[in-house]
Amino acid sequence: MRAYHPALNALGLIIMIFGLLMGFPLGVSAWLEDGATLAYDRALLLTIGCGAVLWTFTRSHTRDLRVHDGFFLVASAWVVLPVFGALPLLAFLPELTFTQAYFEAVSGLTATGATVLSGLDDLPISINLWRTFMHWIGGMGVIVLVVAILPLLGIGGRQMFKAEIPTPMKESSLTPRITETAKGLWMTYTLLTVACGLSLWYAGLDGWDALIHAFSVTGLGGFSSKDASIGHFANPKVEVVVIVFALLAGLNYATHYLALVRRSVRPYLRDPEIPFFFAVLALSIAGLTLYLDQLHAHADLPATLRYVAFHVVSIATSLGLTTYDYTLWPMFAQLWILFLGSFIACSGSTGGGIKMMRAIILYKQVFREIVRSLHPHAVRPVRLGDQPVSESILHAVLGFSFMYMVSIVSLTLVLSATGLDIITAFSAVVACINNTGPGLGAAGPDANYAAMDTFQSWVLAFTMILGRLEIFTFLVVLTPSFWRR
């Protein structure tokens, strides 16, 4: 086990930092006197204490992190941190089982938004704040945050960064130093969050609701402080703000960062994902609006456009906030927006799914194979923008896509075997592996995941972590060869 002491030492540090982050809702609870202070006191002390013990007992065997260490650390962090994230919920809501609290914390940190809680309107502000603050921490990745700190303590962070960040950003850094890259991404993320919060406040939300939903929107999480989600406010201005910032959060944060530091829109124009991102969303909104209008799903065309635009953007980007029970729509419309959540979010965003970059590569590879069947000797490389895509990347994307589909089918069968109907089982797996949140059937937006039994909840918690780490990072640690060192 000593071989993993460097990773465990870094994990201890991450746990301590995570505990310190609980000081934010603790301070809010103490200031507002909302009755949840004691829950945070105990959770904070226990979290920091456990992290300190782990860090102390492994500090004598530290060294630079290697590739194995990076995978082990990232997978361990996403499994262990929800245990501590669940502590305030368990302390304040004693009716919750550990499974339910862990599920809620996993959903928070993976920015999924699948909840087991009801009566959100009556919860203390600090509890709802902690739920969405976990979205914010997990949205960009708590690992990336700590990467900016670990080098100061003599612990290398590049392996963690590569295991955590989506594929296209693994190949190059925005700045020469990995620490500066992490800081740049978090600076951009923070600025977008501030802008979102101020916009929601200006649109009509009170200060706390604006902050809570800003964390949720920029993390593309989906938790809300209201049982009816954004529909509670019945405010078109708020809905427009959510749409705008969900679109921004669905873009590559590296592109945002480059545009910010260069003070130019050119990085957006050169990003090959953006034209596909907006084109698919626009066509989907237009098509579903006309389809539902023909069926008189809503009072008139403007009302139909309002509901369709919000839910297409929210579900496709994996945000998961809602204003209406879209399971009342025909099944075609429900499945279409659920399908969009599988690929719309751009690489380097806080969204889930296979990412638009992989979808583009798959589309171009299929088109190339069609051309090859007609012209066997044609040389037609797959390109992204003006850059050719190497065969190794093509193989990696094909392998990832295969495992993505296998995971959905396998986990759907597992849930079906427990007695769930096929629509609920399939949509819950898709919603969780894409980190979207609401699914269809019993997992739809007008319900929640509290009806799931213990086994089903653990399966879906595993699914959320699997999707957040883009499958391979987590599966690598589960292979026997990983442990033969």
Protein backbone atom coordinates (compact mmCIF):
# COMPACT_ATOMS: atom_id res chain seq x y z
CA MET A 1 0.00 0.00 0.00
CA ARG A 2 2.99 2.31 0.42
CA ALA A 3 3.11 2.68 -3.36
CA TYR A 4 -0.10 4.70 -3.10
CA HIS A 5 1.00 6.86 -0.16
CA PRO A 6 1.80 9.89 -2.39
CA ALA A 7 -1.72 9.79 -3.85
CA LEU A 8 -3.27 9.22 -0.43
CA ASN A 9 -1.22 12.10 0.95
CA ALA A 10 -2.61 14.39 -1.75
CA LEU A 11 -6.11 13.01 -1.09
CA GLY A 12 -5.74 13.96 2.58
CA LEU A 13 -4.90 17.50 1.53
CA ILE A 14 -7.89 17.63 -0.83
CA ILE A 15 -10.20 16.44 1.96
CA MET A 16 -8.88 19.16 4.30
CA ILE A 17 -9.42 21.83 1.65
CA PHE A 18 -12.92 20.48 1.02
CA GLY A 19 -13.59 20.77 4.74
CA LEU A 20 -12.42 24.38 4.75
CA LEU A 21 -14.86 25.11 1.91
CA MET A 22 -17.67 24.13 4.29
CA GLY A 23 -16.79 27.30 6.15
CA PHE A 24 -18.72 29.24 3.49
CA PRO A 25 -22.20 27.78 4.21
CA LEU A 26 -21.27 27.64 7.91
CA GLY A 27 -20.66 31.39 7.90
CA VAL A 28 -23.91 32.00 6.04
CA SER A 29 -25.82 29.80 8.50
CA ALA A 30 -24.33 31.62 11.49
CA TRP A 31 -25.06 35.02 9.96
CA LEU A 32 -28.68 34.19 9.08
CA GLU A 33 -29.23 32.07 12.20
CA ASP A 34 -31.08 29.52 10.08
CA GLY A 35 -30.65 26.64 12.53
CA ALA A 36 -28.12 24.59 10.54
CA THR A 37 -24.93 25.90 12.15
CA LEU A 38 -24.34 22.86 14.35
CA ALA A 39 -24.58 20.54 11.33
CA TYR A 40 -21.75 22.39 9.61
CA ASP A 41 -19.64 22.63 12.78
CA ARG A 42 -19.52 18.87 13.15
CA ALA A 43 -19.11 18.18 9.43
CA LEU A 44 -16.28 20.69 9.05
CA LEU A 45 -14.33 19.39 12.04
CA LEU A 46 -14.78 15.74 11.05
CA THR A 47 -13.78 16.41 7.44
CA ILE A 48 -10.66 18.39 8.29
CA GLY A 49 -9.77 15.87 11.01
CA CYS A 50 -10.02 12.86 8.68
CA GLY A 51 -8.03 14.65 6.01
CA ALA A 52 -5.35 15.65 8.51
CA VAL A 53 -5.00 12.08 9.80
CA LEU A 54 -4.64 10.69 6.27
CA TRP A 55 -2.17 13.43 5.31
CA THR A 56 -0.09 12.94 8.47
CA PHE A 57 0.21 9.16 8.23
CA THR A 58 1.30 9.24 4.56
CA ARG A 59 3.56 12.29 4.50
CA SER A 60 6.78 10.27 5.01
CA HIS A 61 6.42 8.59 1.60
CA THR A 62 5.67 11.55 -0.67
CA ARG A 63 7.10 12.02 -4.13
CA ASP A 64 5.96 13.48 -7.45
CA LEU A 65 2.71 11.96 -8.65
CA ARG A 66 2.94 9.47 -11.50
CA VAL A 67 0.32 8.39 -14.02
CA HIS A 68 -1.00 5.62 -11.76
CA ASP A 69 -1.16 8.04 -8.86
CA GLY A 70 -3.13 10.55 -10.90
CA PHE A 71 -5.84 8.06 -11.89
CA PHE A 72 -6.04 6.62 -8.38
CA LEU A 73 -6.25 10.07 -6.78
CA VAL A 74 -8.92 11.45 -9.09
CA ALA A 75 -11.12 8.34 -8.85
CA SER A 76 -10.65 8.20 -5.06
CA ALA A 77 -11.47 11.87 -4.63
CA TRP A 78 -14.76 11.60 -6.50
CA VAL A 79 -15.77 8.56 -4.45
CA VAL A 80 -14.62 9.84 -1.05
CA LEU A 81 -15.53 13.55 -1.14
CA PRO A 82 -19.29 12.88 -1.38
CA VAL A 83 -19.04 11.03 1.94
CA PHE A 84 -17.98 14.28 3.58
CA GLY A 85 -20.31 16.38 1.42
CA ALA A 86 -23.19 14.30 2.77
CA LEU A 87 -22.38 15.03 6.42
CA PRO A 88 -24.22 18.40 6.72
CA LEU A 89 -27.27 16.84 5.06
CA LEU A 90 -27.24 13.85 7.41
CA ALA A 91 -26.82 16.07 10.45
CA PHE A 92 -29.63 18.47 9.56
CA LEU A 93 -32.02 15.97 7.95
CA PRO A 94 -31.94 12.91 10.22
CA GLU A 95 -34.70 11.25 8.19
CA LEU A 96 -32.23 10.79 5.33
CA THR A 97 -30.44 7.46 5.07
CA PHE A 98 -26.71 7.46 4.38
CA THR A 99 -27.44 6.15 0.87
CA GLN A 100 -29.76 9.07 0.13
CA ALA A 101 -27.35 11.64 1.55
CA TYR A 102 -24.43 10.15 -0.38
CA PHE A 103 -26.54 10.12 -3.57
CA GLU A 104 -27.40 13.80 -3.06
CA ALA A 105 -23.75 14.71 -2.47
CA VAL A 106 -22.57 12.72 -5.50
CA SER A 107 -25.23 14.47 -7.55
CA GLY A 108 -23.99 17.81 -6.22
CA LEU A 109 -20.28 17.27 -6.79
CA THR A 110 -20.74 15.68 -10.22
CA ALA A 111 -23.00 18.62 -11.18
CA THR A 112 -25.83 16.24 -12.04
CA GLY A 113 -28.77 17.71 -10.13
CA ALA A 114 -30.68 14.47 -9.51
CA THR A 115 -32.20 15.00 -6.09
CA VAL A 116 -33.86 12.82 -3.44
CA LEU A 117 -35.08 15.83 -1.44
CA SER A 118 -38.49 17.48 -1.44
CA GLY A 119 -39.70 20.50 0.49
CA LEU A 120 -36.75 22.52 -0.79
CA ASP A 121 -38.66 25.79 -0.30
CA ASP A 122 -38.66 25.18 3.45
CA LEU A 123 -35.00 24.22 3.85
CA PRO A 124 -32.57 26.72 5.43
CA ILE A 125 -30.78 28.92 2.92
CA SER A 126 -27.41 27.50 3.94
CA ILE A 127 -28.48 23.91 3.15
CA ASN A 128 -29.62 24.82 -0.36
CA LEU A 129 -26.50 26.94 -0.71
CA TRP A 130 -24.28 23.96 0.21
CA ARG A 131 -26.06 21.75 -2.34
CA THR A 132 -25.43 24.16 -5.20
CA PHE A 133 -22.00 25.17 -3.91
CA MET A 134 -21.04 21.52 -4.41
CA HIS A 135 -22.16 21.99 -8.03
CA TRP A 136 -19.83 24.94 -8.32
CA ILE A 137 -16.89 23.08 -6.77
CA GLY A 138 -17.46 19.98 -8.88
CA GLY A 139 -18.40 21.77 -12.08
CA MET A 140 -14.87 22.71 -13.01
CA GLY A 141 -13.42 19.99 -10.83
CA VAL A 142 -12.18 20.28 -7.30
CA ILE A 143 -9.05 18.49 -8.52
CA VAL A 144 -8.20 21.37 -10.85
CA LEU A 145 -8.66 23.80 -7.97
CA VAL A 146 -6.20 21.88 -5.81
CA VAL A 147 -3.72 21.60 -8.71
CA ALA A 148 -3.06 25.30 -8.21
CA ILE A 149 -2.07 24.61 -4.58
CA LEU A 150 -0.27 21.26 -4.63
CA PRO A 151 2.91 22.52 -6.36
CA LEU A 152 3.42 24.91 -3.46
CA LEU A 153 3.69 21.86 -1.20
CA GLY A 154 6.03 19.95 -3.50
CA ILE A 155 3.37 17.66 -4.94
CA GLY A 156 3.17 17.49 -8.73
CA GLY A 157 -0.26 18.16 -10.19
CA ARG A 158 -0.05 17.50 -13.93
CA GLN A 159 -1.16 13.86 -13.67
CA MET A 160 -4.26 14.88 -11.71
CA PHE A 161 -5.04 17.60 -14.20
CA LYS A 162 -4.81 15.24 -17.17
CA ALA A 163 -7.03 12.65 -15.51
CA GLU A 164 -9.67 15.23 -14.58
CA ILE A 165 -9.89 17.56 -17.60
CA PRO A 166 -11.90 16.49 -20.70
CA THR A 167 -9.94 15.01 -23.60
CA PRO A 168 -9.04 17.95 -25.88
CA MET A 169 -7.44 19.84 -22.99
CA LYS A 170 -5.23 16.90 -22.04
CA GLU A 171 -2.92 17.56 -24.96
CA SER A 172 -1.89 21.12 -24.28
CA SER A 173 -1.96 23.75 -21.56
CA LEU A 174 -3.24 27.28 -21.95
CA THR A 175 -0.14 28.56 -20.20
CA PRO A 176 3.33 27.01 -19.78
CA ARG A 177 2.75 26.15 -16.12
CA ILE A 178 -0.01 23.79 -15.02
CA THR A 179 -0.71 25.90 -11.95
CA GLU A 180 -1.26 29.00 -14.05
CA THR A 181 -3.60 27.02 -16.31
CA ALA A 182 -5.74 25.93 -13.36
CA LYS A 183 -5.80 29.48 -11.97
CA GLY A 184 -6.78 30.87 -15.37
CA LEU A 185 -9.70 28.46 -15.70
CA TRP A 186 -10.94 29.20 -12.19
CA MET A 187 -10.65 32.94 -12.71
CA THR A 188 -12.81 32.66 -15.82
CA TYR A 189 -15.25 30.37 -14.01
CA THR A 190 -15.54 32.78 -11.08
CA LEU A 191 -16.11 35.82 -13.31
CA LEU A 192 -18.88 34.01 -15.19
CA THR A 193 -20.49 33.01 -11.89
CA VAL A 194 -20.44 36.59 -10.60
CA ALA A 195 -21.94 37.86 -13.86
CA CYS A 196 -24.66 35.19 -13.71
CA GLY A 197 -25.54 35.98 -10.09
CA LEU A 198 -25.77 39.70 -10.73
CA SER A 199 -27.90 39.12 -13.84
CA LEU A 200 -30.32 36.85 -11.96
CA TRP A 201 -30.58 39.43 -9.18
CA TYR A 202 -31.25 42.20 -11.70
CA ALA A 203 -33.87 39.98 -13.40
CA GLY A 204 -35.87 39.75 -10.18
CA LEU A 205 -34.50 37.07 -7.86
CA ASP A 206 -33.57 37.97 -4.30
CA GLY A 207 -29.89 37.91 -3.42
CA TRP A 208 -29.72 34.40 -1.97
CA ASP A 209 -31.78 32.77 -4.72
CA ALA A 210 -29.63 34.58 -7.29
CA LEU A 211 -26.43 33.24 -5.68
CA ILE A 212 -27.78 29.70 -5.26
CA HIS A 213 -28.92 29.50 -8.87
CA ALA A 214 -25.74 31.16 -10.17
CA PHE A 215 -23.74 28.27 -8.65
CA SER A 216 -26.16 25.83 -10.23
CA VAL A 217 -26.17 27.41 -13.69
CA THR A 218 -22.44 28.00 -14.16
CA GLY A 219 -21.69 24.54 -12.78
CA LEU A 220 -24.42 23.17 -15.10
CA GLY A 221 -25.72 21.30 -12.08
CA GLY A 222 -29.48 21.68 -11.76
CA PHE A 223 -30.15 21.84 -8.02
CA SER A 224 -32.58 24.58 -7.05
CA SER A 225 -33.86 26.10 -3.83
CA LYS A 226 -37.43 25.49 -5.02
CA ASP A 227 -39.35 22.27 -5.60
CA ALA A 228 -40.72 23.74 -8.84
CA SER A 229 -37.20 24.73 -9.94
CA ILE A 230 -37.07 27.88 -12.10
CA GLY A 231 -40.78 27.45 -12.82
CA HIS A 232 -41.43 28.67 -9.26
CA PHE A 233 -40.52 32.22 -10.23
CA ALA A 234 -42.66 32.37 -13.41
CA ASN A 235 -40.33 35.11 -14.63
CA PRO A 236 -39.40 35.24 -18.36
CA LYS A 237 -36.42 37.51 -17.62
CA VAL A 238 -34.96 34.94 -15.22
CA GLU A 239 -35.48 32.23 -17.83
CA VAL A 240 -33.62 34.26 -20.47
CA VAL A 241 -30.69 34.83 -18.08
CA VAL A 242 -30.54 31.09 -17.32
CA ILE A 243 -30.57 30.27 -21.05
CA VAL A 244 -27.77 32.74 -21.82
CA PHE A 245 -25.47 31.59 -19.04
CA ALA A 246 -26.23 27.90 -19.63
CA LEU A 247 -25.08 28.44 -23.22
CA LEU A 248 -21.92 30.19 -22.02
CA ALA A 249 -21.21 27.46 -19.46
CA GLY A 250 -21.71 24.86 -22.19
CA LEU A 251 -18.80 26.31 -24.18
CA ASN A 252 -15.14 25.47 -23.65
CA TYR A 253 -13.73 27.44 -20.71
CA ALA A 254 -10.37 27.47 -22.44
CA THR A 255 -12.01 29.49 -25.24
CA HIS A 256 -13.54 31.87 -22.68
CA TYR A 257 -10.16 32.29 -21.00
CA LEU A 258 -8.30 32.99 -24.25
CA ALA A 259 -10.96 35.49 -25.35
CA LEU A 260 -10.69 37.20 -21.96
CA VAL A 261 -6.90 37.53 -21.83
CA ARG A 262 -6.61 38.51 -25.51
CA ARG A 263 -9.67 40.79 -25.35
CA SER A 264 -10.82 39.41 -28.67
CA VAL A 265 -13.69 37.29 -30.05
CA ARG A 266 -11.26 35.50 -32.37
CA PRO A 267 -10.92 32.43 -30.07
CA TYR A 268 -14.68 31.90 -30.40
CA LEU A 269 -14.47 32.15 -34.18
CA ARG A 270 -11.66 29.59 -34.28
CA ASP A 271 -13.32 27.08 -31.94
CA PRO A 272 -14.54 24.22 -34.21
CA GLU A 273 -17.22 23.10 -31.73
CA ILE A 274 -19.15 26.38 -31.51
CA PRO A 275 -20.83 26.35 -34.98
CA PHE A 276 -22.11 22.79 -34.39
CA PHE A 277 -23.13 23.66 -30.81
CA PHE A 278 -25.37 26.56 -31.80
CA ALA A 279 -26.60 25.01 -35.06
CA VAL A 280 -27.89 21.82 -33.41
CA LEU A 281 -29.53 23.78 -30.59
CA ALA A 282 -31.17 26.26 -32.98
CA LEU A 283 -32.50 23.52 -35.27
CA SER A 284 -33.79 21.55 -32.30
CA ILE A 285 -35.58 24.57 -30.82
CA ALA A 286 -37.14 25.47 -34.17
CA GLY A 287 -38.14 21.90 -34.99
CA LEU A 288 -39.64 21.05 -31.60
CA THR A 289 -41.45 24.40 -31.40
CA LEU A 290 -43.18 23.79 -34.73
CA TYR A 291 -43.88 20.14 -33.85
CA LEU A 292 -45.46 20.94 -30.48
CA ASP A 293 -47.32 23.95 -31.85
CA GLN A 294 -48.98 21.72 -34.44
CA LEU A 295 -50.12 19.48 -31.59
CA HIS A 296 -51.33 22.50 -29.54
CA ALA A 297 -49.17 21.48 -26.59
CA HIS A 298 -49.28 25.07 -25.29
CA ALA A 299 -51.59 28.05 -25.61
CA ASP A 300 -49.86 29.66 -28.59
CA LEU A 301 -46.62 29.77 -30.58
CA PRO A 302 -44.76 32.25 -28.28
CA ALA A 303 -45.60 30.13 -25.21
CA THR A 304 -44.43 27.00 -27.02
CA LEU A 305 -41.19 28.69 -28.05
CA ARG A 306 -40.61 29.85 -24.46
CA TYR A 307 -40.95 26.36 -22.98
CA VAL A 308 -39.08 24.60 -25.76
CA ALA A 309 -36.13 27.03 -25.83
CA PHE A 310 -35.62 26.78 -22.08
CA HIS A 311 -35.79 23.01 -21.85
CA VAL A 312 -33.77 22.30 -24.98
CA VAL A 313 -30.93 24.48 -23.69
CA SER A 314 -31.25 23.30 -20.08
CA ILE A 315 -31.36 19.56 -20.79
CA ALA A 316 -28.97 19.62 -23.76
CA THR A 317 -26.24 21.45 -21.86
CA SER A 318 -26.84 19.09 -18.88
CA LEU A 319 -28.04 21.95 -16.65
CA GLY A 320 -31.31 20.24 -15.73
CA LEU A 321 -33.32 23.18 -14.36
CA THR A 322 -36.95 23.16 -15.49
CA THR A 323 -39.98 25.43 -15.77
CA TYR A 324 -42.53 22.81 -16.84
CA ASP A 325 -43.14 19.07 -16.68
CA TYR A 326 -41.92 18.23 -20.16
CA THR A 327 -42.98 14.58 -19.72
CA LEU A 328 -46.43 15.89 -20.70
CA TRP A 329 -45.04 16.38 -24.20
CA PRO A 330 -45.23 13.55 -26.78
CA MET A 331 -42.55 10.88 -26.26
CA PHE A 332 -40.66 12.02 -29.38
CA ALA A 333 -40.02 15.46 -27.87
CA GLN A 334 -39.01 13.97 -24.52
CA LEU A 335 -36.53 11.55 -26.08
CA TRP A 336 -35.11 14.21 -28.39
CA ILE A 337 -34.09 16.61 -25.61
CA LEU A 338 -32.78 13.67 -23.55
CA PHE A 339 -30.71 12.62 -26.57
CA LEU A 340 -29.32 16.15 -27.00
CA GLY A 341 -27.85 15.96 -23.50
CA SER A 342 -25.60 13.14 -24.69
CA PHE A 343 -23.36 15.31 -26.85
CA ILE A 344 -24.18 19.03 -26.97
CA ALA A 345 -21.83 20.38 -24.25
CA CYS A 346 -18.41 21.36 -25.56
CA SER A 347 -15.16 19.85 -24.36
CA GLY A 348 -13.66 21.85 -21.51
CA SER A 349 -17.11 22.95 -20.32
CA THR A 350 -18.86 22.05 -17.09
CA GLY A 351 -21.40 19.98 -19.04
CA GLY A 352 -21.70 16.21 -19.35
CA GLY A 353 -22.13 13.68 -22.12
CA ILE A 354 -19.61 12.58 -24.73
CA LYS A 355 -19.00 16.26 -25.63
CA MET A 356 -19.49 17.98 -28.98
CA MET A 357 -15.84 17.48 -29.97
CA ARG A 358 -16.22 13.70 -29.96
CA ALA A 359 -19.59 13.91 -31.72
CA ILE A 360 -18.03 15.95 -34.54
CA ILE A 361 -15.16 13.49 -34.89
CA LEU A 362 -17.59 10.55 -34.99
CA TYR A 363 -19.73 12.27 -37.60
CA LYS A 364 -16.72 13.04 -39.81
CA GLN A 365 -15.34 9.53 -39.39
CA VAL A 366 -18.66 8.01 -40.49
CA PHE A 367 -18.75 10.34 -43.50
CA ARG A 368 -15.17 9.36 -44.37
CA GLU A 369 -16.07 5.66 -44.28
CA ILE A 370 -19.02 6.29 -46.62
CA VAL A 371 -16.70 8.05 -49.07
CA ARG A 372 -14.16 5.23 -48.78
CA SER A 373 -16.81 2.65 -49.64
CA LEU A 374 -17.39 4.51 -52.91
CA HIS A 375 -13.75 5.48 -53.54
CA PRO A 376 -11.50 2.89 -51.79
CA HIS A 377 -8.28 4.67 -52.72
CA ALA A 378 -9.37 8.17 -51.71
CA VAL A 379 -7.26 9.94 -49.09
CA ARG A 380 -9.59 11.94 -46.89
CA PRO A 381 -8.26 12.81 -43.42
CA VAL A 382 -10.64 13.78 -40.67
CA ARG A 383 -10.14 17.44 -39.78
CA LEU A 384 -11.22 19.71 -36.96
CA GLY A 385 -10.99 23.21 -38.32
CA ASP A 386 -7.75 23.22 -40.27
CA GLN A 387 -6.09 20.56 -38.10
CA PRO A 388 -6.04 16.86 -39.09
CA VAL A 389 -7.14 14.41 -36.42
CA SER A 390 -4.60 11.65 -35.81
CA GLU A 391 -5.56 8.00 -36.05
CA SER A 392 -4.76 7.52 -32.36
CA ILE A 393 -7.35 10.15 -31.42
CA LEU A 394 -9.89 8.57 -33.78
CA HIS A 395 -9.34 5.20 -32.13
CA ALA A 396 -9.64 6.74 -28.66
CA VAL A 397 -12.92 8.46 -29.58
CA LEU A 398 -14.33 5.27 -31.08
CA GLY A 399 -13.30 3.30 -27.99
CA PHE A 400 -14.82 5.88 -25.66
CA SER A 401 -18.08 5.99 -27.64
CA PHE A 402 -18.33 2.20 -27.58
CA MET A 403 -17.84 2.10 -23.80
CA TYR A 404 -20.36 4.94 -23.40
CA MET A 405 -23.03 2.91 -25.20
CA VAL A 406 -22.08 -0.31 -23.40
CA SER A 407 -22.34 1.48 -20.06
CA ILE A 408 -25.82 2.83 -20.84
CA VAL A 409 -27.13 -0.55 -22.04
CA SER A 410 -25.55 -2.51 -19.17
CA LEU A 411 -26.70 -0.16 -16.42
CA THR A 412 -30.20 0.07 -17.92
CA LEU A 413 -30.45 -3.72 -17.84
CA VAL A 414 -29.26 -3.74 -14.22
CA LEU A 415 -31.95 -1.25 -13.19
CA SER A 416 -34.59 -3.06 -15.24
CA ALA A 417 -33.74 -6.27 -13.39
CA THR A 418 -34.65 -4.53 -10.12
CA GLY A 419 -38.20 -3.91 -11.33
CA LEU A 420 -38.00 -0.39 -12.76
CA ASP A 421 -39.97 0.18 -15.95
CA ILE A 422 -37.77 0.50 -19.03
CA ILE A 423 -38.48 4.22 -19.63
CA THR A 424 -37.52 5.17 -16.08
CA ALA A 425 -34.49 2.85 -16.04
CA PHE A 426 -33.14 3.99 -19.41
CA SER A 427 -33.76 7.70 -18.88
CA ALA A 428 -32.33 7.65 -15.34
CA VAL A 429 -29.12 6.04 -16.58
CA VAL A 430 -28.84 8.47 -19.51
CA ALA A 431 -29.59 11.45 -17.26
CA CYS A 432 -27.02 10.34 -14.68
CA ILE A 433 -24.21 9.33 -17.03
CA ASN A 434 -24.67 12.64 -18.87
CA ASN A 435 -24.89 14.48 -15.51
CA THR A 436 -28.20 16.02 -16.60
CA GLY A 437 -30.40 15.22 -13.60
CA PRO A 438 -34.07 14.84 -14.55
CA GLY A 439 -35.02 11.91 -16.76
CA LEU A 440 -38.39 10.54 -17.83
CA GLY A 441 -41.10 8.48 -16.17
CA ALA A 442 -40.65 8.18 -12.41
CA ALA A 443 -37.36 10.10 -12.71
CA GLY A 444 -38.97 13.01 -14.58
CA PRO A 445 -38.88 16.71 -13.67
CA ASP A 446 -42.14 16.54 -11.71
CA ALA A 447 -40.74 13.77 -9.48
CA ASN A 448 -37.34 13.00 -7.99
CA TYR A 449 -35.08 10.06 -7.22
CA ALA A 450 -36.38 9.46 -3.67
CA ALA A 451 -38.46 6.55 -4.98
CA MET A 452 -35.32 4.60 -5.87
CA ASP A 453 -34.42 1.81 -3.47
CA THR A 454 -30.98 1.44 -1.91
CA PHE A 455 -29.47 -0.69 -4.67
CA GLN A 456 -30.86 1.51 -7.46
CA SER A 457 -29.49 4.61 -5.73
CA TRP A 458 -25.99 3.13 -5.50
CA VAL A 459 -26.11 2.09 -9.17
CA LEU A 460 -27.07 5.61 -10.19
CA ALA A 461 -24.47 7.19 -7.89
CA PHE A 462 -21.85 5.01 -9.60
CA THR A 463 -23.29 6.10 -12.96
CA MET A 464 -22.93 9.79 -12.08
CA ILE A 465 -19.28 9.37 -11.08
CA LEU A 466 -18.64 7.27 -14.20
CA GLY A 467 -20.07 10.03 -16.39
CA ARG A 468 -18.31 12.87 -14.55
CA LEU A 469 -14.92 11.20 -15.03
CA GLU A 470 -15.76 10.37 -18.65
CA ILE A 471 -15.79 6.61 -18.08
CA PHE A 472 -12.18 5.68 -18.75
CA THR A 473 -10.64 7.50 -15.78
CA PHE A 474 -12.87 5.52 -13.44
CA LEU A 475 -12.79 2.20 -15.31
CA VAL A 476 -8.98 2.21 -15.46
CA VAL A 477 -8.86 2.03 -11.66
CA LEU A 478 -11.28 -0.92 -11.68
CA THR A 479 -9.14 -3.08 -13.98
CA PRO A 480 -6.97 -5.80 -12.36
CA SER A 481 -3.91 -4.69 -14.36
CA PHE A 482 -4.00 -1.28 -12.67
CA TRP A 483 -3.26 -2.89 -9.29
CA ARG A 484 -0.40 -5.06 -10.56
CA ARG A 485 2.61 -2.81 -9.91
